[in-house]
Protein backbone atom coordinates (compact mmCIF):
# COMPACT_ATOMS: atom_id res chain seq x y z
CA UNK A 1 0.00 0.00 0.00
CA UNK A 2 2.96 2.29 0.57
CA UNK A 3 4.33 1.56 -2.91
CA UNK A 4 1.15 2.47 -4.80
CA UNK A 5 1.45 6.26 -4.24
CA UNK A 6 5.07 5.99 -5.34
CA UNK A 7 3.97 4.22 -8.52
CA UNK A 8 1.09 6.64 -9.20
CA UNK A 9 2.98 8.42 -11.98
CA UNK A 10 3.60 5.20 -13.86
CA UNK A 11 0.10 3.89 -13.20
CA UNK A 12 -1.36 7.22 -14.34
CA UNK A 13 -0.38 6.57 -17.96
CA UNK A 14 -2.89 3.71 -18.04
CA UNK A 15 -6.49 4.83 -18.48
CA UNK A 16 -8.44 4.57 -15.22
CA UNK A 17 -11.15 2.21 -16.58
CA UNK A 18 -8.49 -0.14 -17.95
CA UNK A 19 -6.58 0.01 -14.68
CA UNK A 20 -9.78 -0.82 -12.81
CA UNK A 21 -10.61 -3.86 -14.94
CA UNK A 22 -7.06 -5.22 -14.86
CA UNK A 23 -6.61 -4.62 -11.14
CA UNK A 24 -9.92 -6.28 -10.22
CA UNK A 25 -9.10 -9.19 -12.52
CA UNK A 26 -5.69 -9.56 -10.89
CA UNK A 27 -7.30 -9.41 -7.45
CA UNK A 28 -9.76 -12.15 -8.43
CA UNK A 29 -6.99 -14.36 -9.75
CA UNK A 30 -4.71 -13.77 -6.77
CA UNK A 31 -7.31 -14.56 -4.13
CA UNK A 32 -8.56 -17.60 -6.08
CA UNK A 33 -5.02 -19.01 -6.06
CA UNK A 34 -4.98 -18.81 -2.27
CA UNK A 35 -7.84 -21.32 -2.17
CA UNK A 36 -5.38 -23.96 -3.39
CA UNK A 37 -3.48 -25.48 -0.44
CA UNK A 38 0.03 -24.41 -1.46
CA UNK A 39 1.38 -23.56 1.99
CA UNK A 40 1.82 -20.46 4.13
CA UNK A 41 4.46 -18.61 2.13
CA UNK A 42 2.52 -18.94 -1.12
CA UNK A 43 -0.72 -17.82 0.48
CA UNK A 44 1.07 -14.79 1.92
CA UNK A 45 2.61 -13.95 -1.45
CA UNK A 46 -0.70 -14.18 -3.31
CA UNK A 47 -2.50 -12.19 -0.62
CA UNK A 48 0.17 -9.51 -1.10
CA UNK A 49 -0.71 -9.46 -4.81
CA UNK A 50 -4.41 -9.28 -3.89
CA UNK A 51 -3.89 -6.29 -1.57
CA UNK A 52 -1.72 -4.53 -4.16
CA UNK A 53 -4.38 -5.05 -6.83
CA UNK A 54 -7.10 -3.65 -4.58
CA UNK A 55 -4.85 -0.69 -3.75
CA UNK A 56 -4.61 0.01 -7.48
CA UNK A 57 -8.32 -0.60 -8.14
CA UNK A 58 -9.69 1.74 -5.45
CA UNK A 59 -8.37 5.04 -6.84
CA UNK A 60 -9.03 3.85 -10.40
CA UNK A 61 -12.69 3.30 -9.44
CA UNK A 62 -13.00 6.79 -7.99
CA UNK A 63 -11.26 8.32 -11.01
CA UNK A 64 -13.49 6.41 -13.44
CA UNK A 65 -16.68 7.31 -11.60
CA UNK A 66 -15.89 11.00 -11.35
CA UNK A 67 -14.79 11.18 -14.98
CA UNK A 68 -18.07 9.69 -16.19
CA UNK A 69 -20.32 11.62 -13.82
CA UNK A 70 -19.86 14.98 -15.51
CA UNK A 71 -21.74 17.69 -13.63
CA UNK A 72 -23.10 15.12 -11.13
CA UNK A 73 -19.61 14.38 -9.81
CA UNK A 74 -20.56 15.02 -6.19
CA UNK A 75 -23.64 12.81 -6.33
CA UNK A 76 -21.71 10.04 -8.08
CA UNK A 77 -18.97 10.15 -5.46
CA UNK A 78 -21.55 10.09 -2.67
CA UNK A 79 -23.30 7.08 -4.23
CA UNK A 80 -19.94 5.29 -4.64
CA UNK A 81 -19.08 6.00 -1.00
CA UNK A 82 -22.49 4.73 0.12
CA UNK A 83 -21.98 1.49 -1.83
CA UNK A 84 -18.48 1.17 -0.38
CA UNK A 85 -19.78 1.43 3.18
CA UNK A 86 -22.65 -0.99 2.50
CA UNK A 87 -20.10 -3.48 1.24
CA UNK A 88 -17.81 -2.87 4.19
CA UNK A 89 -20.73 -3.44 6.56
CA UNK A 90 -22.20 -6.50 4.83
CA UNK A 91 -18.86 -8.08 3.95
CA UNK A 92 -18.01 -9.48 7.39
CA UNK A 93 -21.47 -11.00 7.82
CA UNK A 94 -21.34 -12.62 4.38
CA UNK A 95 -17.80 -13.85 5.01
CA UNK A 96 -18.96 -15.38 8.28
CA UNK A 97 -21.71 -17.29 6.48
CA UNK A 98 -19.28 -18.62 3.89
CA UNK A 99 -16.53 -19.30 6.45
CA UNK A 100 -18.49 -22.27 7.75
CA UNK A 101 -17.33 -24.06 4.60
CA UNK A 102 -13.65 -23.25 5.20
CA UNK A 103 -11.10 -20.78 3.90
CA UNK A 104 -11.20 -22.00 0.27
CA UNK A 105 -14.90 -21.12 0.11
CA UNK A 106 -14.22 -17.61 1.42
CA UNK A 107 -11.35 -17.12 -1.03
CA UNK A 108 -13.44 -18.30 -3.96
CA UNK A 109 -16.38 -16.10 -2.91
CA UNK A 110 -14.10 -13.06 -2.79
CA UNK A 111 -12.62 -14.06 -6.14
CA UNK A 112 -16.11 -14.31 -7.64
CA UNK A 113 -17.02 -10.85 -6.35
CA UNK A 114 -13.81 -9.33 -7.70
CA UNK A 115 -14.33 -11.05 -11.06
CA UNK A 116 -17.91 -9.76 -11.17
CA UNK A 117 -16.63 -6.26 -10.45
CA UNK A 118 -14.06 -6.58 -13.24
CA UNK A 119 -16.75 -7.79 -15.63
CA UNK A 120 -19.10 -4.95 -14.71
CA UNK A 121 -16.30 -2.40 -15.10
CA UNK A 122 -15.40 -3.87 -18.50
CA UNK A 123 -19.01 -3.72 -19.69
CA UNK A 124 -19.40 -0.15 -18.45
CA UNK A 125 -16.19 0.83 -20.25
CA UNK A 126 -17.77 -0.14 -23.55
CA UNK A 127 -20.91 1.93 -22.86
C-alpha atoms as a PDB file:
ATOM      1  CA  UNK A   1       0.000   0.000   0.000  1.00  0.00           C
ATOM      2  CA  UNK A   2       2.958   2.294   0.571  1.00  0.00           C
ATOM      3  CA  UNK A   3       4.332   1.562  -2.912  1.00  0.00           C
ATOM      4  CA  UNK A   4       1.152   2.468  -4.800  1.00  0.00           C
ATOM      5  CA  UNK A   5       1.448   6.256  -4.245  1.00  0.00           C
ATOM      6  CA  UNK A   6       5.069   5.988  -5.341  1.00  0.00           C
ATOM      7  CA  UNK A   7       3.972   4.221  -8.520  1.00  0.00           C
ATOM      8  CA  UNK A   8       1.093   6.640  -9.198  1.00  0.00           C
ATOM      9  CA  UNK A   9       2.978   8.416 -11.981  1.00  0.00           C
ATOM     10  CA  UNK A  10       3.599   5.197 -13.861  1.00  0.00           C
ATOM     11  CA  UNK A  11       0.096   3.890 -13.204  1.00  0.00           C
ATOM     12  CA  UNK A  12      -1.357   7.223 -14.344  1.00  0.00           C
ATOM     13  CA  UNK A  13      -0.385   6.574 -17.956  1.00  0.00           C
ATOM     14  CA  UNK A  14      -2.886   3.707 -18.037  1.00  0.00           C
ATOM     15  CA  UNK A  15      -6.493   4.828 -18.482  1.00  0.00           C
ATOM     16  CA  UNK A  16      -8.440   4.566 -15.222  1.00  0.00           C
ATOM     17  CA  UNK A  17     -11.150   2.211 -16.582  1.00  0.00           C
ATOM     18  CA  UNK A  18      -8.490  -0.136 -17.953  1.00  0.00           C
ATOM     19  CA  UNK A  19      -6.578   0.010 -14.680  1.00  0.00           C
ATOM     20  CA  UNK A  20      -9.782  -0.820 -12.810  1.00  0.00           C
ATOM     21  CA  UNK A  21     -10.613  -3.861 -14.940  1.00  0.00           C
ATOM     22  CA  UNK A  22      -7.061  -5.224 -14.864  1.00  0.00           C
ATOM     23  CA  UNK A  23      -6.613  -4.621 -11.136  1.00  0.00           C
ATOM     24  CA  UNK A  24      -9.924  -6.278 -10.223  1.00  0.00           C
ATOM     25  CA  UNK A  25      -9.104  -9.188 -12.519  1.00  0.00           C
ATOM     26  CA  UNK A  26      -5.695  -9.556 -10.894  1.00  0.00           C
ATOM     27  CA  UNK A  27      -7.301  -9.407  -7.455  1.00  0.00           C
ATOM     28  CA  UNK A  28      -9.760 -12.148  -8.426  1.00  0.00           C
ATOM     29  CA  UNK A  29      -6.994 -14.364  -9.753  1.00  0.00           C
ATOM     30  CA  UNK A  30      -4.711 -13.767  -6.774  1.00  0.00           C
ATOM     31  CA  UNK A  31      -7.305 -14.565  -4.129  1.00  0.00           C
ATOM     32  CA  UNK A  32      -8.556 -17.597  -6.081  1.00  0.00           C
ATOM     33  CA  UNK A  33      -5.018 -19.014  -6.064  1.00  0.00           C
ATOM     34  CA  UNK A  34      -4.976 -18.810  -2.267  1.00  0.00           C
ATOM     35  CA  UNK A  35      -7.842 -21.320  -2.172  1.00  0.00           C
ATOM     36  CA  UNK A  36      -5.384 -23.959  -3.388  1.00  0.00           C
ATOM     37  CA  UNK A  37      -3.480 -25.480  -0.441  1.00  0.00           C
ATOM     38  CA  UNK A  38       0.034 -24.412  -1.456  1.00  0.00           C
ATOM     39  CA  UNK A  39       1.380 -23.562   1.990  1.00  0.00           C
ATOM     40  CA  UNK A  40       1.819 -20.456   4.133  1.00  0.00           C
ATOM     41  CA  UNK A  41       4.462 -18.609   2.130  1.00  0.00           C
ATOM     42  CA  UNK A  42       2.523 -18.936  -1.125  1.00  0.00           C
ATOM     43  CA  UNK A  43      -0.716 -17.824   0.478  1.00  0.00           C
ATOM     44  CA  UNK A  44       1.067 -14.794   1.924  1.00  0.00           C
ATOM     45  CA  UNK A  45       2.612 -13.947  -1.450  1.00  0.00           C
ATOM     46  CA  UNK A  46      -0.701 -14.183  -3.307  1.00  0.00           C
ATOM     47  CA  UNK A  47      -2.496 -12.194  -0.622  1.00  0.00           C
ATOM     48  CA  UNK A  48       0.170  -9.510  -1.099  1.00  0.00           C
ATOM     49  CA  UNK A  49      -0.707  -9.458  -4.812  1.00  0.00           C
ATOM     50  CA  UNK A  50      -4.411  -9.276  -3.892  1.00  0.00           C
ATOM     51  CA  UNK A  51      -3.892  -6.293  -1.575  1.00  0.00           C
ATOM     52  CA  UNK A  52      -1.717  -4.533  -4.164  1.00  0.00           C
ATOM     53  CA  UNK A  53      -4.378  -5.054  -6.833  1.00  0.00           C
ATOM     54  CA  UNK A  54      -7.102  -3.650  -4.582  1.00  0.00           C
ATOM     55  CA  UNK A  55      -4.851  -0.691  -3.753  1.00  0.00           C
ATOM     56  CA  UNK A  56      -4.609   0.013  -7.484  1.00  0.00           C
ATOM     57  CA  UNK A  57      -8.321  -0.599  -8.138  1.00  0.00           C
ATOM     58  CA  UNK A  58      -9.694   1.735  -5.453  1.00  0.00           C
ATOM     59  CA  UNK A  59      -8.367   5.037  -6.840  1.00  0.00           C
ATOM     60  CA  UNK A  60      -9.033   3.854 -10.395  1.00  0.00           C
ATOM     61  CA  UNK A  61     -12.686   3.301  -9.442  1.00  0.00           C
ATOM     62  CA  UNK A  62     -12.998   6.793  -7.993  1.00  0.00           C
ATOM     63  CA  UNK A  63     -11.265   8.320 -11.007  1.00  0.00           C
ATOM     64  CA  UNK A  64     -13.489   6.405 -13.440  1.00  0.00           C
ATOM     65  CA  UNK A  65     -16.683   7.309 -11.603  1.00  0.00           C
ATOM     66  CA  UNK A  66     -15.886  11.001 -11.346  1.00  0.00           C
ATOM     67  CA  UNK A  67     -14.791  11.185 -14.985  1.00  0.00           C
ATOM     68  CA  UNK A  68     -18.073   9.686 -16.190  1.00  0.00           C
ATOM     69  CA  UNK A  69     -20.315  11.623 -13.823  1.00  0.00           C
ATOM     70  CA  UNK A  70     -19.861  14.979 -15.513  1.00  0.00           C
ATOM     71  CA  UNK A  71     -21.741  17.687 -13.634  1.00  0.00           C
ATOM     72  CA  UNK A  72     -23.096  15.125 -11.132  1.00  0.00           C
ATOM     73  CA  UNK A  73     -19.615  14.377  -9.813  1.00  0.00           C
ATOM     74  CA  UNK A  74     -20.561  15.023  -6.190  1.00  0.00           C
ATOM     75  CA  UNK A  75     -23.638  12.814  -6.326  1.00  0.00           C
ATOM     76  CA  UNK A  76     -21.710  10.040  -8.075  1.00  0.00           C
ATOM     77  CA  UNK A  77     -18.969  10.146  -5.463  1.00  0.00           C
ATOM     78  CA  UNK A  78     -21.552  10.088  -2.667  1.00  0.00           C
ATOM     79  CA  UNK A  79     -23.295   7.079  -4.231  1.00  0.00           C
ATOM     80  CA  UNK A  80     -19.942   5.292  -4.639  1.00  0.00           C
ATOM     81  CA  UNK A  81     -19.082   6.003  -0.996  1.00  0.00           C
ATOM     82  CA  UNK A  82     -22.488   4.732   0.118  1.00  0.00           C
ATOM     83  CA  UNK A  83     -21.978   1.487  -1.830  1.00  0.00           C
ATOM     84  CA  UNK A  84     -18.476   1.174  -0.380  1.00  0.00           C
ATOM     85  CA  UNK A  85     -19.782   1.434   3.181  1.00  0.00           C
ATOM     86  CA  UNK A  86     -22.651  -0.989   2.498  1.00  0.00           C
ATOM     87  CA  UNK A  87     -20.104  -3.482   1.236  1.00  0.00           C
ATOM     88  CA  UNK A  88     -17.810  -2.873   4.193  1.00  0.00           C
ATOM     89  CA  UNK A  89     -20.732  -3.440   6.555  1.00  0.00           C
ATOM     90  CA  UNK A  90     -22.197  -6.497   4.829  1.00  0.00           C
ATOM     91  CA  UNK A  91     -18.858  -8.081   3.946  1.00  0.00           C
ATOM     92  CA  UNK A  92     -18.011  -9.481   7.386  1.00  0.00           C
ATOM     93  CA  UNK A  93     -21.472 -11.000   7.815  1.00  0.00           C
ATOM     94  CA  UNK A  94     -21.338 -12.617   4.383  1.00  0.00           C
ATOM     95  CA  UNK A  95     -17.797 -13.852   5.012  1.00  0.00           C
ATOM     96  CA  UNK A  96     -18.963 -15.384   8.283  1.00  0.00           C
ATOM     97  CA  UNK A  97     -21.709 -17.286   6.484  1.00  0.00           C
ATOM     98  CA  UNK A  98     -19.281 -18.621   3.892  1.00  0.00           C
ATOM     99  CA  UNK A  99     -16.526 -19.299   6.448  1.00  0.00           C
ATOM    100  CA  UNK A 100     -18.485 -22.270   7.752  1.00  0.00           C
ATOM    101  CA  UNK A 101     -17.332 -24.058   4.605  1.00  0.00           C
ATOM    102  CA  UNK A 102     -13.653 -23.252   5.196  1.00  0.00           C
ATOM    103  CA  UNK A 103     -11.105 -20.775   3.897  1.00  0.00           C
ATOM    104  CA  UNK A 104     -11.201 -21.999   0.270  1.00  0.00           C
ATOM    105  CA  UNK A 105     -14.904 -21.124   0.114  1.00  0.00           C
ATOM    106  CA  UNK A 106     -14.218 -17.609   1.418  1.00  0.00           C
ATOM    107  CA  UNK A 107     -11.352 -17.118  -1.029  1.00  0.00           C
ATOM    108  CA  UNK A 108     -13.441 -18.300  -3.965  1.00  0.00           C
ATOM    109  CA  UNK A 109     -16.382 -16.100  -2.910  1.00  0.00           C
ATOM    110  CA  UNK A 110     -14.101 -13.057  -2.792  1.00  0.00           C
ATOM    111  CA  UNK A 111     -12.624 -14.063  -6.142  1.00  0.00           C
ATOM    112  CA  UNK A 112     -16.109 -14.314  -7.641  1.00  0.00           C
ATOM    113  CA  UNK A 113     -17.019 -10.849  -6.347  1.00  0.00           C
ATOM    114  CA  UNK A 114     -13.807  -9.329  -7.700  1.00  0.00           C
ATOM    115  CA  UNK A 115     -14.329 -11.053 -11.058  1.00  0.00           C
ATOM    116  CA  UNK A 116     -17.909  -9.760 -11.168  1.00  0.00           C
ATOM    117  CA  UNK A 117     -16.626  -6.264 -10.451  1.00  0.00           C
ATOM    118  CA  UNK A 118     -14.064  -6.580 -13.238  1.00  0.00           C
ATOM    119  CA  UNK A 119     -16.748  -7.788 -15.633  1.00  0.00           C
ATOM    120  CA  UNK A 120     -19.104  -4.946 -14.710  1.00  0.00           C
ATOM    121  CA  UNK A 121     -16.300  -2.402 -15.097  1.00  0.00           C
ATOM    122  CA  UNK A 122     -15.396  -3.867 -18.499  1.00  0.00           C
ATOM    123  CA  UNK A 123     -19.014  -3.719 -19.687  1.00  0.00           C
ATOM    124  CA  UNK A 124     -19.398  -0.145 -18.454  1.00  0.00           C
ATOM    125  CA  UNK A 125     -16.193   0.834 -20.249  1.00  0.00           C
ATOM    126  CA  UNK A 126     -17.774  -0.139 -23.548  1.00  0.00           C
ATOM    127  CA  UNK A 127     -20.907   1.928 -22.862  1.00  0.00           C
END
